[in-house]
C-alpha atoms as a PDB file:
ATOM      1  CA  MET A   1      -2.431  25.971 -58.242  1.00  0.00           C
ATOM      2  CA  ASN A   2      -3.161  26.785 -55.132  1.00  0.00           C
ATOM      3  CA  SER A   3      -0.740  28.603 -53.313  1.00  0.00           C
ATOM      4  CA  ARG A   4       0.572  25.220 -50.728  1.00  0.00           C
ATOM      5  CA  LYS A   5       1.540  24.075 -54.607  1.00  0.00           C
ATOM      6  CA  VAL A   6       3.168  27.572 -56.009  1.00  0.00           C
ATOM      7  CA  ALA A   7       5.177  27.644 -52.232  1.00  0.00           C
ATOM      8  CA  ILE A   8       6.285  24.118 -52.348  1.00  0.00           C
ATOM      9  CA  LEU A   9       7.677  24.216 -55.600  1.00  0.00           C
ATOM     10  CA  THR A  10       9.027  27.895 -55.343  1.00  0.00           C
ATOM     11  CA  THR A  11      10.960  26.400 -51.776  1.00  0.00           C
ATOM     12  CA  ILE A  12      12.049  23.057 -54.549  1.00  0.00           C
ATOM     13  CA  ALA A  13      13.474  25.246 -57.297  1.00  0.00           C
ATOM     14  CA  ALA A  14      15.491  27.787 -54.678  1.00  0.00           C
ATOM     15  CA  ILE A  15      16.705  24.816 -53.125  1.00  0.00           C
ATOM     16  CA  LEU A  16      17.388  23.443 -56.329  1.00  0.00           C
ATOM     17  CA  ALA A  17      19.327  27.093 -57.593  1.00  0.00           C
ATOM     18  CA  LEU A  18      21.638  26.651 -53.625  1.00  0.00           C
ATOM     19  CA  GLY A  19      22.710  23.249 -55.387  1.00  0.00           C
ATOM     20  CA  GLU A  20      23.693  24.061 -58.391  1.00  0.00           C
ATOM     21  CA  LEU A  21      25.720  26.861 -56.666  1.00  0.00           C
ATOM     22  CA  GLY A  22      27.499  24.305 -54.715  1.00  0.00           C
ATOM     23  CA  SER A  23      27.858  22.617 -57.239  1.00  0.00           C
ATOM     24  CA  ALA A  24      30.045  25.459 -59.306  1.00  0.00           C
ATOM     25  CA  ILE A  25      31.694  25.725 -56.254  1.00  0.00           C
ATOM     26  CA  MET A  26      32.676  22.084 -55.432  1.00  0.00           C
ATOM     27  CA  ILE A  27      33.455  22.006 -60.081  1.00  0.00           C
ATOM     28  CA  TRP A  28      35.921  24.935 -59.695  1.00  0.00           C
ATOM     29  CA  GLN A  29      37.807  24.060 -56.399  1.00  0.00           C
ATOM     30  CA  GLU A  30      38.450  19.839 -58.035  1.00  0.00           C
ATOM     31  CA  ASN A  31      40.153  21.838 -61.109  1.00  0.00           C
ATOM     32  CA  TYR A  32      39.289  18.311 -62.886  1.00  0.00           C
ATOM     33  CA  PRO A  33      39.653  18.860 -67.433  1.00  0.00           C
ATOM     34  CA  GLY A  34      37.024  20.141 -68.999  1.00  0.00           C
ATOM     35  CA  SER A  35      34.680  20.759 -65.705  1.00  0.00           C
ATOM     36  CA  LEU A  36      32.889  23.743 -66.119  1.00  0.00           C
ATOM     37  CA  PRO A  37      32.182  25.277 -63.252  1.00  0.00           C
ATOM     38  CA  TRP A  38      30.653  28.295 -65.135  1.00  0.00           C
ATOM     39  CA  ALA A  39      28.244  26.195 -66.467  1.00  0.00           C
ATOM     40  CA  ALA A  40      26.787  25.258 -63.454  1.00  0.00           C
ATOM     41  CA  VAL A  41      26.522  29.220 -61.760  1.00  0.00           C
ATOM     42  CA  VAL A  42      24.046  29.493 -64.851  1.00  0.00           C
ATOM     43  CA  PHE A  43      21.510  26.743 -63.744  1.00  0.00           C
ATOM     44  CA  ALA A  44      21.913  28.107 -61.113  1.00  0.00           C
ATOM     45  CA  VAL A  45      20.415  31.473 -62.163  1.00  0.00           C
ATOM     46  CA  PHE A  46      17.871  29.569 -64.206  1.00  0.00           C
ATOM     47  CA  PHE A  47      16.848  28.505 -61.388  1.00  0.00           C
ATOM     48  CA  LEU A  48      16.832  31.583 -58.980  1.00  0.00           C
ATOM     49  CA  THR A  49      14.588  32.943 -62.720  1.00  0.00           C
ATOM     50  CA  ALA A  50      12.118  29.972 -62.141  1.00  0.00           C
ATOM     51  CA  THR A  51      11.669  30.915 -58.575  1.00  0.00           C
ATOM     52  CA  TRP A  52      11.521  35.086 -58.910  1.00  0.00           C
ATOM     53  CA  LEU A  53       8.668  34.118 -61.583  1.00  0.00           C
ATOM     54  CA  LEU A  54       6.830  31.590 -58.908  1.00  0.00           C
ATOM     55  CA  GLY A  55       7.409  33.758 -55.775  1.00  0.00           C
ATOM     56  CA  ARG A  56       6.339  36.911 -58.208  1.00  0.00           C
ATOM     57  CA  GLY A  57       2.244  35.094 -59.141  1.00  0.00           C
ATOM     58  CA  ARG A  58       3.299  33.465 -62.214  1.00  0.00           C
ATOM     59  CA  ALA A  59       2.204  29.687 -61.248  1.00  0.00           C
ATOM     60  CA  THR A  60       2.132  28.652 -65.139  1.00  0.00           C
ATOM     61  CA  ALA A  61       5.497  30.309 -66.612  1.00  0.00           C
ATOM     62  CA  GLY A  62       7.087  28.796 -63.690  1.00  0.00           C
ATOM     63  CA  THR A  63       6.068  25.940 -63.054  1.00  0.00           C
ATOM     64  CA  VAL A  64       7.074  25.054 -66.921  1.00  0.00           C
ATOM     65  CA  PHE A  65      10.850  26.883 -66.184  1.00  0.00           C
ATOM     66  CA  ALA A  66      11.844  25.246 -63.539  1.00  0.00           C
ATOM     67  CA  GLY A  67       9.625  21.244 -64.657  1.00  0.00           C
ATOM     68  CA  LEU A  68      12.479  21.751 -68.205  1.00  0.00           C
ATOM     69  CA  LEU A  69      16.031  22.709 -65.911  1.00  0.00           C
ATOM     70  CA  CYS A  70      14.221  19.271 -63.200  1.00  0.00           C
ATOM     71  CA  LEU A  71      13.404  17.493 -66.740  1.00  0.00           C
ATOM     72  CA  PHE A  72      17.541  18.273 -68.434  1.00  0.00           C
ATOM     73  CA  GLU A  73      18.766  17.723 -64.832  1.00  0.00           C
ATOM     74  CA  VAL A  74      17.335  14.075 -64.572  1.00  0.00           C
ATOM     75  CA  VAL A  75      17.986  13.183 -68.368  1.00  0.00           C
ATOM     76  CA  GLU A  76      21.319  14.318 -67.810  1.00  0.00           C
ATOM     77  CA  PHE A  77      22.268  12.550 -64.346  1.00  0.00           C
ATOM     78  CA  PRO A  78      23.930   9.240 -65.882  1.00  0.00           C
ATOM     79  CA  SER A  79      26.732  11.795 -67.762  1.00  0.00           C
ATOM     80  CA  TRP A  80      27.569  13.626 -65.291  1.00  0.00           C
ATOM     81  CA  PRO A  81      31.437  12.466 -64.041  1.00  0.00           C
ATOM     82  CA  LYS A  82      31.621  10.912 -60.846  1.00  0.00           C
ATOM     83  CA  HIS A  83      35.060  11.502 -59.030  1.00  0.00           C
ATOM     84  CA  ASN A  84      34.293  10.506 -55.186  1.00  0.00           C
ATOM     85  CA  ALA A  85      31.616   9.394 -52.533  1.00  0.00           C
ATOM     86  CA  LEU A  86      30.724  13.373 -52.428  1.00  0.00           C
ATOM     87  CA  ASP A  87      29.855  13.798 -55.911  1.00  0.00           C
ATOM     88  CA  TRP A  88      27.735   9.963 -55.854  1.00  0.00           C
ATOM     89  CA  THR A  89      25.414  11.506 -53.185  1.00  0.00           C
ATOM     90  CA  TYR A  90      25.448  14.575 -54.047  1.00  0.00           C
ATOM     91  CA  GLN A  91      24.799  14.796 -57.495  1.00  0.00           C
ATOM     92  CA  THR A  92      22.218  11.738 -56.336  1.00  0.00           C
ATOM     93  CA  THR A  93      20.463  13.999 -54.190  1.00  0.00           C
ATOM     94  CA  PHE A  94      19.614  16.735 -55.984  1.00  0.00           C
ATOM     95  CA  ALA A  95      18.625  14.594 -58.922  1.00  0.00           C
ATOM     96  CA  LEU A  96      16.155  12.777 -57.017  1.00  0.00           C
ATOM     97  CA  VAL A  97      14.914  16.401 -55.975  1.00  0.00           C
ATOM     98  CA  SER A  98      14.561  17.857 -59.162  1.00  0.00           C
ATOM     99  CA  PRO A  99      11.289  15.107 -60.193  1.00  0.00           C
ATOM    100  CA  ARG A 100       9.484  16.290 -57.322  1.00  0.00           C
END
């Protein structure tokens, strides 16, 4: 895999990690019954791990790990509760970035 593709994938994984942290904050502030802000933090750590793997030159491991996380995001997107326009916008944006 050439270095340009690895750099792009590393950037996308880092953006998704930041997005998960933002989701955790929003979930925590909304405090809806049954909400799990810690789950978003766990996924942020997973995306940071993928970013770290890619940054350390482990392109195959980082790509597979990031790909599996993105696949989970895309598959689970329809089941996420969306309570307002901000939720719809935020979740849709990150669901669209995931398959890239």
